[in-house]
Amino acid sequence: MNDVPAVREKGKEMLCHFCCVFIDGLFLCLWAATNFTVNLAVRTYFRPDGPDALIGYILQVLFGCATLAPIAIFTYRDIRVMWIRANQKIAEAVVNS
């Protein structure tokens, strides 16, 4: 029965990691859906050509960069935290063995 707190702690940690990955993926899907929907609506109702199409493409790229940057930053942070925690546990296991 001494392993129950360790299993519970591990479960909480894994749940936290899963939630972080889920939220990052949800934001990425939301970004993709918004980008696709706006692109489809603009091409259906406005049918840009010439300079308007170029400006629309530039704005689409800028929107993509502006919205993907925070998602990429948070994803990197979450991966980095998981990596650091894994390294700490490995170091503790080496010291304890």
PDB file of N, CA and C in Angstrom:
ATOM      1  N   MET A   1       0.812  -1.204   0.000  1.00  0.00           N
ATOM      2  CA  MET A   1       0.000   0.000   0.000  1.00  0.00           C
ATOM      3  C   MET A   1       0.855   1.267   0.000  1.00  0.00           C
ATOM      4  N   ASN A   2       2.169   1.152   0.184  1.00  0.00           N
ATOM      5  CA  ASN A   2       3.023   2.330   0.152  1.00  0.00           C
ATOM      6  C   ASN A   2       3.140   2.929  -1.241  1.00  0.00           C
ATOM      7  N   ASP A   3       2.828   2.151  -2.266  1.00  0.00           N
ATOM      8  CA  ASP A   3       2.959   2.631  -3.639  1.00  0.00           C
ATOM      9  C   ASP A   3       1.779   3.485  -4.086  1.00  0.00           C
ATOM     10  N   VAL A   4       0.693   3.515  -3.319  1.00  0.00           N
ATOM     11  CA  VAL A   4      -0.495   4.267  -3.724  1.00  0.00           C
ATOM     12  C   VAL A   4      -0.205   5.755  -3.862  1.00  0.00           C
ATOM     13  N   PRO A   5       0.458   6.418  -2.919  1.00  0.00           N
ATOM     14  CA  PRO A   5       0.754   7.838  -3.118  1.00  0.00           C
ATOM     15  C   PRO A   5       1.656   8.086  -4.338  1.00  0.00           C
ATOM     16  N   ALA A   6       2.596   7.186  -4.595  1.00  0.00           N
ATOM     17  CA  ALA A   6       3.476   7.347  -5.751  1.00  0.00           C
ATOM     18  C   ALA A   6       2.693   7.201  -7.047  1.00  0.00           C
ATOM     19  N   VAL A   7       1.781   6.254  -7.084  1.00  0.00           N
ATOM     20  CA  VAL A   7       0.955   6.060  -8.277  1.00  0.00           C
ATOM     21  C   VAL A   7       0.030   7.260  -8.468  1.00  0.00           C
ATOM     22  N   ARG A   8      -0.535   7.749  -7.395  1.00  0.00           N
ATOM     23  CA  ARG A   8      -1.423   8.915  -7.466  1.00  0.00           C
ATOM     24  C   ARG A   8      -0.651  10.137  -7.960  1.00  0.00           C
ATOM     25  N   GLU A   9       0.560  10.339  -7.450  1.00  0.00           N
ATOM     26  CA  GLU A   9       1.384  11.468  -7.882  1.00  0.00           C
ATOM     27  C   GLU A   9       1.731  11.351  -9.363  1.00  0.00           C
ATOM     28  N   LYS A  10       2.090  10.158  -9.784  1.00  0.00           N
ATOM     29  CA  LYS A  10       2.408   9.917 -11.200  1.00  0.00           C
ATOM     30  C   LYS A  10       1.177  10.144 -12.074  1.00  0.00           C
ATOM     31  N   GLY A  11       0.029   9.711 -11.600  1.00  0.00           N
ATOM     32  CA  GLY A  11      -1.220   9.917 -12.333  1.00  0.00           C
ATOM     33  C   GLY A  11      -1.551  11.391 -12.491  1.00  0.00           C
ATOM     34  N   LYS A  12      -1.361  12.163 -11.430  1.00  0.00           N
ATOM     35  CA  LYS A  12      -1.611  13.612 -11.502  1.00  0.00           C
ATOM     36  C   LYS A  12      -0.664  14.277 -12.486  1.00  0.00           C
ATOM     37  N   GLU A  13       0.609  13.868 -12.452  1.00  0.00           N
ATOM     38  CA  GLU A  13       1.592  14.441 -13.370  1.00  0.00           C
ATOM     39  C   GLU A  13       1.249  14.110 -14.817  1.00  0.00           C
ATOM     40  N   MET A  14       0.881  12.864 -15.073  1.00  0.00           N
ATOM     41  CA  MET A  14       0.530  12.460 -16.436  1.00  0.00           C
ATOM     42  C   MET A  14      -0.747  13.158 -16.903  1.00  0.00           C
ATOM     43  N   LEU A  15      -1.707  13.340 -16.002  1.00  0.00           N
ATOM     44  CA  LEU A  15      -2.930  14.059 -16.342  1.00  0.00           C
ATOM     45  C   LEU A  15      -2.618  15.507 -16.692  1.00  0.00           C
ATOM     46  N   CYS A  16      -1.717  16.115 -15.945  1.00  0.00           N
ATOM     47  CA  CYS A  16      -1.312  17.492 -16.232  1.00  0.00           C
ATOM     48  C   CYS A  16      -0.668  17.585 -17.610  1.00  0.00           C
ATOM     49  N   HIS A  17       0.222  16.652 -17.929  1.00  0.00           N
ATOM     50  CA  HIS A  17       0.864  16.644 -19.246  1.00  0.00           C
ATOM     51  C   HIS A  17      -0.165  16.415 -20.352  1.00  0.00           C
ATOM     52  N   PHE A  18      -1.082  15.489 -20.126  1.00  0.00           N
ATOM     53  CA  PHE A  18      -2.113  15.210 -21.118  1.00  0.00           C
ATOM     54  C   PHE A  18      -2.981  16.440 -21.363  1.00  0.00           C
ATOM     55  N   CYS A  19      -3.363  17.116 -20.282  1.00  0.00           N
ATOM     56  CA  CYS A  19      -4.193  18.321 -20.427  1.00  0.00           C
ATOM     57  C   CYS A  19      -3.453  19.415 -21.194  1.00  0.00           C
ATOM     58  N   CYS A  20      -2.165  19.576 -20.921  1.00  0.00           N
ATOM     59  CA  CYS A  20      -1.377  20.574 -21.648  1.00  0.00           C
ATOM     60  C   CYS A  20      -1.320  20.256 -23.140  1.00  0.00           C
ATOM     61  N   VAL A  21      -1.077  19.004 -23.463  1.00  0.00           N
ATOM     62  CA  VAL A  21      -1.029  18.597 -24.876  1.00  0.00           C
ATOM     63  C   VAL A  21      -2.401  18.762 -25.517  1.00  0.00           C
ATOM     64  N   PHE A  22      -3.452  18.410 -24.806  1.00  0.00           N
ATOM     65  CA  PHE A  22      -4.808  18.543 -25.328  1.00  0.00           C
ATOM     66  C   PHE A  22      -5.152  19.997 -25.616  1.00  0.00           C
ATOM     67  N   ILE A  23      -4.835  20.888 -24.691  1.00  0.00           N
ATOM     68  CA  ILE A  23      -5.132  22.310 -24.873  1.00  0.00           C
ATOM     69  C   ILE A  23      -4.326  22.878 -26.036  1.00  0.00           C
ATOM     70  N   ASP A  24      -3.047  22.509 -26.140  1.00  0.00           N
ATOM     71  CA  ASP A  24      -2.236  22.968 -27.265  1.00  0.00           C
ATOM     72  C   ASP A  24      -2.821  22.482 -28.586  1.00  0.00           C
ATOM     73  N   GLY A  25      -3.233  21.236 -28.640  1.00  0.00           N
ATOM     74  CA  GLY A  25      -3.847  20.688 -29.850  1.00  0.00           C
ATOM     75  C   GLY A  25      -5.178  21.349 -30.170  1.00  0.00           C
ATOM     76  N   LEU A  26      -5.956  21.652 -29.129  1.00  0.00           N
ATOM     77  CA  LEU A  26      -7.236  22.327 -29.321  1.00  0.00           C
ATOM     78  C   LEU A  26      -7.028  23.708 -29.927  1.00  0.00           C
ATOM     79  N   PHE A  27      -6.050  24.457 -29.409  1.00  0.00           N
ATOM     80  CA  PHE A  27      -5.756  25.770 -29.978  1.00  0.00           C
ATOM     81  C   PHE A  27      -5.297  25.648 -31.423  1.00  0.00           C
ATOM     82  N   LEU A  28      -4.507  24.638 -31.724  1.00  0.00           N
ATOM     83  CA  LEU A  28      -4.037  24.440 -33.092  1.00  0.00           C
ATOM     84  C   LEU A  28      -5.202  24.116 -34.025  1.00  0.00           C
ATOM     85  N   CYS A  29      -6.123  23.273 -33.579  1.00  0.00           N
ATOM     86  CA  CYS A  29      -7.312  22.962 -34.387  1.00  0.00           C
ATOM     87  C   CYS A  29      -8.197  24.195 -34.565  1.00  0.00           C
ATOM     88  N   LEU A  30      -8.341  24.983 -33.527  1.00  0.00           N
ATOM     89  CA  LEU A  30      -9.122  26.216 -33.614  1.00  0.00           C
ATOM     90  C   LEU A  30      -8.494  27.169 -34.628  1.00  0.00           C
ATOM     91  N   TRP A  31      -7.164  27.268 -34.605  1.00  0.00           N
ATOM     92  CA  TRP A  31      -6.466  28.112 -35.567  1.00  0.00           C
ATOM     93  C   TRP A  31      -6.699  27.621 -36.992  1.00  0.00           C
ATOM     94  N   ALA A  32      -6.567  26.328 -37.211  1.00  0.00           N
ATOM     95  CA  ALA A  32      -6.738  25.763 -38.549  1.00  0.00           C
ATOM     96  C   ALA A  32      -8.172  25.975 -39.046  1.00  0.00           C
ATOM     97  N   ALA A  33      -9.150  25.761 -38.185  1.00  0.00           N
ATOM     98  CA  ALA A  33     -10.546  25.946 -38.580  1.00  0.00           C
ATOM     99  C   ALA A  33     -10.833  27.404 -38.919  1.00  0.00           C
ATOM    100  N   THR A  34     -10.315  28.321 -38.116  1.00  0.00           N
ATOM    101  CA  THR A  34     -10.515  29.744 -38.382  1.00  0.00           C
ATOM    102  C   THR A  34      -9.853  30.141 -39.699  1.00  0.00           C
ATOM    103  N   ASN A  35      -8.631  29.701 -39.903  1.00  0.00           N
ATOM    104  CA  ASN A  35      -7.907  30.032 -41.125  1.00  0.00           C
ATOM    105  C   ASN A  35      -8.633  29.482 -42.348  1.00  0.00           C
ATOM    106  N   PHE A  36      -9.073  28.228 -42.292  1.00  0.00           N
ATOM    107  CA  PHE A  36      -9.765  27.611 -43.409  1.00  0.00           C
ATOM    108  C   PHE A  36     -11.096  28.307 -43.692  1.00  0.00           C
ATOM    109  N   THR A  37     -11.861  28.596 -42.646  1.00  0.00           N
ATOM    110  CA  THR A  37     -13.176  29.213 -42.807  1.00  0.00           C
ATOM    111  C   THR A  37     -13.071  30.616 -43.397  1.00  0.00           C
ATOM    112  N   VAL A  38     -12.163  31.419 -42.867  1.00  0.00           N
ATOM    113  CA  VAL A  38     -11.988  32.784 -43.381  1.00  0.00           C
ATOM    114  C   VAL A  38     -11.503  32.736 -44.823  1.00  0.00           C
ATOM    115  N   ASN A  39     -10.561  31.862 -45.121  1.00  0.00           N
ATOM    116  CA  ASN A  39     -10.054  31.736 -46.486  1.00  0.00           C
ATOM    117  C   ASN A  39     -11.178  31.335 -47.445  1.00  0.00           C
ATOM    118  N   LEU A  40     -11.992  30.373 -47.053  1.00  0.00           N
ATOM    119  CA  LEU A  40     -13.105  29.931 -47.892  1.00  0.00           C
ATOM    120  C   LEU A  40     -14.135  31.044 -48.080  1.00  0.00           C
ATOM    121  N   ALA A  41     -14.463  31.751 -47.012  1.00  0.00           N
ATOM    122  CA  ALA A  41     -15.450  32.832 -47.097  1.00  0.00           C
ATOM    123  C   ALA A  41     -14.962  33.962 -47.997  1.00  0.00           C
ATOM    124  N   VAL A  42     -13.705  34.346 -47.865  1.00  0.00           N
ATOM    125  CA  VAL A  42     -13.167  35.431 -48.682  1.00  0.00           C
ATOM    126  C   VAL A  42     -13.154  35.021 -50.150  1.00  0.00           C
ATOM    127  N   ARG A  43     -12.715  33.816 -50.435  1.00  0.00           N
ATOM    128  CA  ARG A  43     -12.650  33.372 -51.842  1.00  0.00           C
ATOM    129  C   ARG A  43     -14.043  33.154 -52.435  1.00  0.00           C
ATOM    130  N   THR A  44     -15.029  32.820 -51.612  1.00  0.00           N
ATOM    131  CA  THR A  44     -16.384  32.596 -52.107  1.00  0.00           C
ATOM    132  C   THR A  44     -17.128  33.906 -52.355  1.00  0.00           C
ATOM    133  N   TYR A  45     -17.060  34.830 -51.395  1.00  0.00           N
ATOM    134  CA  TYR A  45     -17.889  36.030 -51.479  1.00  0.00           C
ATOM    135  C   TYR A  45     -17.194  37.222 -52.133  1.00  0.00           C
ATOM    136  N   PHE A  46     -15.881  37.315 -52.048  1.00  0.00           N
ATOM    137  CA  PHE A  46     -15.194  38.497 -52.567  1.00  0.00           C
ATOM    138  C   PHE A  46     -14.394  38.231 -53.832  1.00  0.00           C
ATOM    139  N   ARG A  47     -13.945  37.006 -54.035  1.00  0.00           N
ATOM    140  CA  ARG A  47     -13.156  36.600 -55.199  1.00  0.00           C
ATOM    141  C   ARG A  47     -12.066  37.621 -55.535  1.00  0.00           C
ATOM    142  N   PRO A  48     -11.074  37.739 -54.652  1.00  0.00           N
ATOM    143  CA  PRO A  48     -10.016  38.727 -54.901  1.00  0.00           C
ATOM    144  C   PRO A  48      -9.144  38.318 -56.092  1.00  0.00           C
ATOM    145  N   ASP A  49      -8.650  39.337 -56.804  1.00  0.00           N
ATOM    146  CA  ASP A  49      -7.712  39.088 -57.897  1.00  0.00           C
ATOM    147  C   ASP A  49      -6.689  40.218 -57.932  1.00  0.00           C
ATOM    148  N   GLY A  50      -5.591  39.955 -58.587  1.00  0.00           N
ATOM    149  CA  GLY A  50      -4.541  40.970 -58.715  1.00  0.00           C
ATOM    150  C   GLY A  50      -3.937  41.338 -57.370  1.00  0.00           C
ATOM    151  N   PRO A  51      -3.830  42.661 -57.114  1.00  0.00           N
ATOM    152  CA  PRO A  51      -3.210  43.108 -55.856  1.00  0.00           C
ATOM    153  C   PRO A  51      -4.005  42.697 -54.617  1.00  0.00           C
ATOM    154  N   ASP A  52      -5.317  42.605 -54.762  1.00  0.00           N
ATOM    155  CA  ASP A  52      -6.130  42.191 -53.610  1.00  0.00           C
ATOM    156  C   ASP A  52      -5.795  40.763 -53.182  1.00  0.00           C
ATOM    157  N   ALA A  53      -5.565  39.895 -54.143  1.00  0.00           N
ATOM    158  CA  ALA A  53      -5.200  38.516 -53.813  1.00  0.00           C
ATOM    159  C   ALA A  53      -3.843  38.469 -53.122  1.00  0.00           C
ATOM    160  N   LEU A  54      -2.893  39.280 -53.591  1.00  0.00           N
ATOM    161  CA  LEU A  54      -1.570  39.321 -52.973  1.00  0.00           C
ATOM    162  C   LEU A  54      -1.646  39.861 -51.541  1.00  0.00           C
ATOM    163  N   ILE A  55      -2.376  40.937 -51.358  1.00  0.00           N
ATOM    164  CA  ILE A  55      -2.536  41.515 -50.014  1.00  0.00           C
ATOM    165  C   ILE A  55      -3.254  40.527 -49.095  1.00  0.00           C
ATOM    166  N   GLY A  56      -4.267  39.838 -49.615  1.00  0.00           N
ATOM    167  CA  GLY A  56      -4.969  38.827 -48.824  1.00  0.00           C
ATOM    168  C   GLY A  56      -4.044  37.698 -48.415  1.00  0.00           C
ATOM    169  N   TYR A  57      -3.177  37.275 -49.328  1.00  0.00           N
ATOM    170  CA  TYR A  57      -2.221  36.213 -49.006  1.00  0.00           C
ATOM    171  C   TYR A  57      -1.241  36.677 -47.932  1.00  0.00           C
ATOM    172  N   ILE A  58      -0.740  37.907 -48.066  1.00  0.00           N
ATOM    173  CA  ILE A  58       0.191  38.450 -47.070  1.00  0.00           C
ATOM    174  C   ILE A  58      -0.480  38.536 -45.701  1.00  0.00           C
ATOM    175  N   LEU A  59      -1.715  39.016 -45.666  1.00  0.00           N
ATOM    176  CA  LEU A  59      -2.442  39.099 -44.390  1.00  0.00           C
ATOM    177  C   LEU A  59      -2.703  37.717 -43.806  1.00  0.00           C
ATOM    178  N   GLN A  60      -2.957  36.743 -44.664  1.00  0.00           N
ATOM    179  CA  GLN A  60      -3.171  35.372 -44.192  1.00  0.00           C
ATOM    180  C   GLN A  60      -1.900  34.820 -43.562  1.00  0.00           C
ATOM    181  N   VAL A  61      -0.758  35.082 -44.174  1.00  0.00           N
ATOM    182  CA  VAL A  61       0.522  34.627 -43.623  1.00  0.00           C
ATOM    183  C   VAL A  61       0.805  35.327 -42.295  1.00  0.00           C
ATOM    184  N   LEU A  62       0.562  36.637 -42.241  1.00  0.00           N
ATOM    185  CA  LEU A  62       0.787  37.373 -40.989  1.00  0.00           C
ATOM    186  C   LEU A  62      -0.138  36.880 -39.883  1.00  0.00           C
ATOM    187  N   PHE A  63      -1.401  36.608 -40.218  1.00  0.00           N
ATOM    188  CA  PHE A  63      -2.338  36.060 -39.239  1.00  0.00           C
ATOM    189  C   PHE A  63      -1.851  34.705 -38.734  1.00  0.00           C
ATOM    190  N   GLY A  64      -1.369  33.891 -39.668  1.00  0.00           N
ATOM    191  CA  GLY A  64      -0.850  32.577 -39.282  1.00  0.00           C
ATOM    192  C   GLY A  64       0.316  32.678 -38.331  1.00  0.00           C
ATOM    193  N   CYS A  65       1.260  33.555 -38.643  1.00  0.00           N
ATOM    194  CA  CYS A  65       2.430  33.728 -37.763  1.00  0.00           C
ATOM    195  C   CYS A  65       2.023  34.281 -36.403  1.00  0.00           C
ATOM    196  N   ALA A  66       1.138  35.266 -36.411  1.00  0.00           N
ATOM    197  CA  ALA A  66       0.730  35.910 -35.158  1.00  0.00           C
ATOM    198  C   ALA A  66      -0.044  34.962 -34.244  1.00  0.00           C
ATOM    199  N   THR A  67      -0.796  34.055 -34.824  1.00  0.00           N
ATOM    200  CA  THR A  67      -1.579  33.157 -33.977  1.00  0.00           C
ATOM    201  C   THR A  67      -0.851  31.860 -33.665  1.00  0.00           C
ATOM    202  N   LEU A  68       0.062  31.441 -34.528  1.00  0.00           N
ATOM    203  CA  LEU A  68       0.802  30.210 -34.250  1.00  0.00           C
ATOM    204  C   LEU A  68       1.960  30.430 -33.286  1.00  0.00           C
ATOM    205  N   ALA A  69       2.483  31.641 -33.224  1.00  0.00           N
ATOM    206  CA  ALA A  69       3.623  31.911 -32.334  1.00  0.00           C
ATOM    207  C   ALA A  69       3.292  31.598 -30.864  1.00  0.00           C
ATOM    208  N   PRO A  70       2.182  32.097 -30.317  1.00  0.00           N
ATOM    209  CA  PRO A  70       1.882  31.747 -28.915  1.00  0.00           C
ATOM    210  C   PRO A  70       1.665  30.253 -28.711  1.00  0.00           C
ATOM    211  N   ILE A  71       1.029  29.590 -29.677  1.00  0.00           N
ATOM    212  CA  ILE A  71       0.815  28.142 -29.554  1.00  0.00           C
ATOM    213  C   ILE A  71       2.156  27.423 -29.544  1.00  0.00           C
ATOM    214  N   ALA A  72       3.057  27.841 -30.433  1.00  0.00           N
ATOM    215  CA  ALA A  72       4.384  27.220 -30.480  1.00  0.00           C
ATOM    216  C   ALA A  72       5.159  27.477 -29.193  1.00  0.00           C
ATOM    217  N   ILE A  73       5.044  28.672 -28.647  1.00  0.00           N
ATOM    218  CA  ILE A  73       5.750  29.006 -27.399  1.00  0.00           C
ATOM    219  C   ILE A  73       5.243  28.137 -26.252  1.00  0.00           C
ATOM    220  N   PHE A  74       3.923  28.012 -26.118  1.00  0.00           N
ATOM    221  CA  PHE A  74       3.373  27.208 -25.029  1.00  0.00           C
ATOM    222  C   PHE A  74       3.677  25.724 -25.219  1.00  0.00           C
ATOM    223  N   THR A  75       3.647  25.256 -26.463  1.00  0.00           N
ATOM    224  CA  THR A  75       3.997  23.861 -26.717  1.00  0.00           C
ATOM    225  C   THR A  75       5.449  23.602 -26.356  1.00  0.00           C
ATOM    226  N   TYR A  76       6.338  24.505 -26.746  1.00  0.00           N
ATOM    227  CA  TYR A  76       7.757  24.379 -26.395  1.00  0.00           C
ATOM    228  C   TYR A  76       7.936  24.379 -24.882  1.00  0.00           C
ATOM    229  N   ARG A  77       7.227  25.280 -24.199  1.00  0.00           N
ATOM    230  CA  ARG A  77       7.338  25.354 -22.740  1.00  0.00           C
ATOM    231  C   ARG A  77       6.892  24.041 -22.096  1.00  0.00           C
ATOM    232  N   ASP A  78       5.771  23.504 -22.568  1.00  0.00           N
ATOM    233  CA  ASP A  78       5.265  22.253 -21.996  1.00  0.00           C
ATOM    234  C   ASP A  78       6.240  21.101 -22.231  1.00  0.00           C
ATOM    235  N   ILE A  79       6.793  21.019 -23.432  1.00  0.00           N
ATOM    236  CA  ILE A  79       7.763  19.955 -23.735  1.00  0.00           C
ATOM    237  C   ILE A  79       9.008  20.137 -22.893  1.00  0.00           C
ATOM    238  N   ARG A  80       9.457  21.365 -22.737  1.00  0.00           N
ATOM    239  CA  ARG A  80      10.664  21.650 -21.944  1.00  0.00           C
ATOM    240  C   ARG A  80      10.461  21.258 -20.479  1.00  0.00           C
ATOM    241  N   VAL A  81       9.288  21.575 -19.931  1.00  0.00           N
ATOM    242  CA  VAL A  81       8.986  21.216 -18.540  1.00  0.00           C
ATOM    243  C   VAL A  81       8.990  19.698 -18.376  1.00  0.00           C
ATOM    244  N   MET A  82       8.373  18.984 -19.331  1.00  0.00           N
ATOM    245  CA  MET A  82       8.362  17.522 -19.263  1.00  0.00           C
ATOM    246  C   MET A  82       9.789  16.972 -19.338  1.00  0.00           C
ATOM    247  N   TRP A  83      10.614  17.550 -20.193  1.00  0.00           N
ATOM    248  CA  TRP A  83      11.996  17.102 -20.359  1.00  0.00           C
ATOM    249  C   TRP A  83      12.802  17.320 -19.075  1.00  0.00           C
ATOM    250  N   ILE A  84      12.651  18.484 -18.474  1.00  0.00           N
ATOM    251  CA  ILE A  84      13.383  18.804 -17.239  1.00  0.00           C
ATOM    252  C   ILE A  84      12.953  17.862 -16.115  1.00  0.00           C
ATOM    253  N   ARG A  85      11.658  17.614 -15.986  1.00  0.00           N
ATOM    254  CA  ARG A  85      11.165  16.717 -14.935  1.00  0.00           C
ATOM    255  C   ARG A  85      11.675  15.298 -15.145  1.00  0.00           C
ATOM    256  N   ALA A  86      11.705  14.859 -16.400  1.00  0.00           N
ATOM    257  CA  ALA A  86      12.214  13.511 -16.692  1.00  0.00           C
ATOM    258  C   ALA A  86      13.692  13.417 -16.332  1.00  0.00           C
ATOM    259  N   ASN A  87      14.473  14.444 -16.661  1.00  0.00           N
ATOM    260  CA  ASN A  87      15.899  14.441 -16.319  1.00  0.00           C
ATOM    261  C   ASN A  87      16.114  14.445 -14.809  1.00  0.00           C
ATOM    262  N   GLN A  88      15.276  15.186 -14.080  1.00  0.00           N
ATOM    263  CA  GLN A  88      15.391  15.202 -12.619  1.00  0.00           C
ATOM    264  C   GLN A  88      15.091  13.819 -12.042  1.00  0.00           C
ATOM    265  N   LYS A  89      14.092  13.151 -12.556  1.00  0.00           N
ATOM    266  CA  LYS A  89      13.753  11.817 -12.050  1.00  0.00           C
ATOM    267  C   LYS A  89      14.845  10.812 -12.381  1.00  0.00           C
ATOM    268  N   ILE A  90      15.452  10.959 -13.551  1.00  0.00           N
ATOM    269  CA  ILE A  90      16.564  10.068 -13.915  1.00  0.00           C
ATOM    270  C   ILE A  90      17.738  10.309 -12.967  1.00  0.00           C
ATOM    271  N   ALA A  91      18.037  11.583 -12.695  1.00  0.00           N
ATOM    272  CA  ALA A  91      19.146  11.904 -11.789  1.00  0.00           C
ATOM    273  C   ALA A  91      18.875  11.369 -10.384  1.00  0.00           C
ATOM    274  N   GLU A  92      17.622  11.483  -9.915  1.00  0.00           N
ATOM    275  CA  GLU A  92      17.272  10.960  -8.594  1.00  0.00           C
ATOM    276  C   GLU A  92      17.394   9.439  -8.568  1.00  0.00           C
ATOM    277  N   ALA A  93      17.017   8.778  -9.643  1.00  0.00           N
ATOM    278  CA  ALA A  93      17.096   7.320  -9.691  1.00  0.00           C
ATOM    279  C   ALA A  93      18.546   6.860  -9.689  1.00  0.00           C
ATOM    280  N   VAL A  94      19.415   7.616 -10.365  1.00  0.00           N
ATOM    281  CA  VAL A  94      20.841   7.253 -10.396  1.00  0.00           C
ATOM    282  C   VAL A  94      21.450   7.438  -9.022  1.00  0.00           C
ATOM    283  N   VAL A  95      21.093   8.533  -8.352  1.00  0.00           N
ATOM    284  CA  VAL A  95      21.645   8.794  -7.031  1.00  0.00           C
ATOM    285  C   VAL A  95      21.146   7.755  -6.024  1.00  0.00           C
ATOM    286  N   ASN A  96      19.889   7.366  -6.118  1.00  0.00           N
ATOM    287  CA  ASN A  96      19.300   6.419  -5.155  1.00  0.00           C
ATOM    288  C   ASN A  96      19.706   4.974  -5.407  1.00  0.00           C
ATOM    289  N   SER A  97      20.274   4.682  -6.565  1.00  0.00           N
ATOM    290  CA  SER A  97      20.615   3.279  -6.841  1.00  0.00           C
ATOM    291  C   SER A  97      22.008   2.923  -6.437  1.00  0.00           C
TER     292      SER A  97
END
